[in-house]
Amino acid sequence: ELSLYKKAGTVWISYAVPFIIPITAGYVTAIIFGDFLLVLMDLIF
């Protein structure tokens, strides 16, 4: 089993890597909808 890990080499997956996509999507969504709501509130008030 240890030889299999040595044969695989460097592993690029960690606990944080799967969260990159949802965090990026949330960031982009917050920028788009945040700006939209800011403009909408500026027009109303």
N, C-alpha and C. Protein backbone atom coordinates (compact mmCIF):
# COMPACT_ATOMS: atom_id res chain seq x y z
N GLU A 1 0.83 -1.19 0.00
CA GLU A 1 0.00 0.00 0.00
C GLU A 1 0.87 1.26 0.00
N LEU A 2 1.94 1.25 0.75
CA LEU A 2 2.83 2.41 0.80
C LEU A 2 3.49 2.65 -0.56
N SER A 3 3.81 1.58 -1.27
CA SER A 3 4.42 1.75 -2.59
C SER A 3 3.46 2.41 -3.57
N LEU A 4 2.17 2.18 -3.38
CA LEU A 4 1.17 2.82 -4.23
C LEU A 4 1.18 4.34 -4.02
N TYR A 5 1.31 4.78 -2.77
CA TYR A 5 1.36 6.21 -2.48
C TYR A 5 2.65 6.84 -3.02
N LYS A 6 3.75 6.12 -2.91
CA LYS A 6 5.01 6.63 -3.45
C LYS A 6 4.95 6.73 -4.96
N LYS A 7 4.29 5.76 -5.59
CA LYS A 7 4.17 5.74 -7.04
C LYS A 7 3.28 6.88 -7.54
N ALA A 8 2.29 7.28 -6.74
CA ALA A 8 1.37 8.34 -7.14
C ALA A 8 2.05 9.70 -7.21
N GLY A 9 3.07 9.92 -6.42
CA GLY A 9 3.78 11.20 -6.44
C GLY A 9 3.05 12.26 -5.64
N THR A 10 3.15 13.50 -6.09
CA THR A 10 2.55 14.62 -5.38
C THR A 10 1.03 14.61 -5.55
N VAL A 11 0.33 14.81 -4.47
CA VAL A 11 -1.13 14.84 -4.50
C VAL A 11 -1.57 16.30 -4.45
N TRP A 12 -2.44 16.69 -5.38
CA TRP A 12 -2.87 18.08 -5.49
C TRP A 12 -4.20 18.34 -4.81
N ILE A 13 -4.82 17.33 -4.28
CA ILE A 13 -6.13 17.48 -3.65
C ILE A 13 -5.95 17.64 -2.15
N SER A 14 -6.61 18.63 -1.59
CA SER A 14 -6.64 18.80 -0.15
C SER A 14 -8.08 19.10 0.25
N TYR A 15 -8.31 19.31 1.53
CA TYR A 15 -9.67 19.58 1.99
C TYR A 15 -10.21 20.90 1.47
N ALA A 16 -9.35 21.84 1.15
CA ALA A 16 -9.79 23.17 0.71
C ALA A 16 -10.11 23.23 -0.77
N VAL A 17 -9.52 22.36 -1.58
CA VAL A 17 -9.69 22.45 -3.03
C VAL A 17 -11.15 22.30 -3.48
N PRO A 18 -11.94 21.36 -2.95
CA PRO A 18 -13.33 21.27 -3.41
C PRO A 18 -14.17 22.50 -3.08
N PHE A 19 -13.74 23.31 -2.14
CA PHE A 19 -14.51 24.49 -1.75
C PHE A 19 -14.19 25.71 -2.60
N ILE A 20 -13.21 25.62 -3.49
CA ILE A 20 -12.83 26.77 -4.31
C ILE A 20 -13.96 27.17 -5.24
N ILE A 21 -14.63 26.19 -5.85
CA ILE A 21 -15.70 26.49 -6.80
C ILE A 21 -16.90 27.16 -6.11
N PRO A 22 -17.43 26.62 -5.00
CA PRO A 22 -18.56 27.31 -4.35
C PRO A 22 -18.20 28.68 -3.79
N ILE A 23 -16.98 28.83 -3.28
CA ILE A 23 -16.57 30.13 -2.76
C ILE A 23 -16.47 31.15 -3.89
N THR A 24 -15.90 30.75 -5.02
CA THR A 24 -15.79 31.64 -6.17
C THR A 24 -17.17 32.01 -6.71
N ALA A 25 -18.06 31.02 -6.80
CA ALA A 25 -19.42 31.29 -7.28
C ALA A 25 -20.15 32.24 -6.33
N GLY A 26 -19.98 32.05 -5.04
CA GLY A 26 -20.61 32.94 -4.07
C GLY A 26 -20.05 34.35 -4.14
N TYR A 27 -18.76 34.46 -4.36
CA TYR A 27 -18.12 35.78 -4.48
C TYR A 27 -18.66 36.53 -5.69
N VAL A 28 -18.72 35.85 -6.82
CA VAL A 28 -19.22 36.49 -8.05
C VAL A 28 -20.69 36.86 -7.89
N THR A 29 -21.48 35.97 -7.29
CA THR A 29 -22.90 36.26 -7.06
C THR A 29 -23.07 37.45 -6.14
N ALA A 30 -22.27 37.53 -5.10
CA ALA A 30 -22.37 38.65 -4.17
C ALA A 30 -22.01 39.97 -4.85
N ILE A 31 -21.03 39.94 -5.72
CA ILE A 31 -20.65 41.17 -6.43
C ILE A 31 -21.78 41.61 -7.36
N ILE A 32 -22.33 40.67 -8.13
CA ILE A 32 -23.37 41.02 -9.11
C ILE A 32 -24.64 41.48 -8.40
N PHE A 33 -25.16 40.67 -7.49
CA PHE A 33 -26.41 41.03 -6.83
C PHE A 33 -26.22 42.17 -5.83
N GLY A 34 -25.06 42.28 -5.25
CA GLY A 34 -24.80 43.38 -4.33
C GLY A 34 -24.82 44.71 -5.06
N ASP A 35 -24.19 44.76 -6.23
CA ASP A 35 -24.20 45.99 -7.02
C ASP A 35 -25.61 46.29 -7.52
N PHE A 36 -26.33 45.25 -7.91
CA PHE A 36 -27.70 45.43 -8.38
C PHE A 36 -28.59 46.00 -7.27
N LEU A 37 -28.48 45.45 -6.08
CA LEU A 37 -29.29 45.93 -4.96
C LEU A 37 -28.89 47.34 -4.55
N LEU A 38 -27.60 47.65 -4.64
CA LEU A 38 -27.14 49.00 -4.30
C LEU A 38 -27.73 50.03 -5.26
N VAL A 39 -27.72 49.72 -6.53
CA VAL A 39 -28.30 50.63 -7.53
C VAL A 39 -29.81 50.75 -7.32
N LEU A 40 -30.46 49.63 -7.05
CA LEU A 40 -31.91 49.65 -6.82
C LEU A 40 -32.27 50.48 -5.59
N MET A 41 -31.53 50.33 -4.52
CA MET A 41 -31.79 51.12 -3.31
C MET A 41 -31.48 52.59 -3.54
N ASP A 42 -30.47 52.87 -4.35
CA ASP A 42 -30.13 54.26 -4.67
C ASP A 42 -31.26 54.93 -5.46
N LEU A 43 -31.91 54.18 -6.34
CA LEU A 43 -33.02 54.72 -7.11
C LEU A 43 -34.25 54.95 -6.24
N ILE A 44 -34.47 54.07 -5.28
CA ILE A 44 -35.66 54.17 -4.44
C ILE A 44 -35.51 55.27 -3.40
N PHE A 45 -34.38 55.33 -2.75
CA PHE A 45 -34.20 56.28 -1.64
C PHE A 45 -33.43 57.45 -2.13
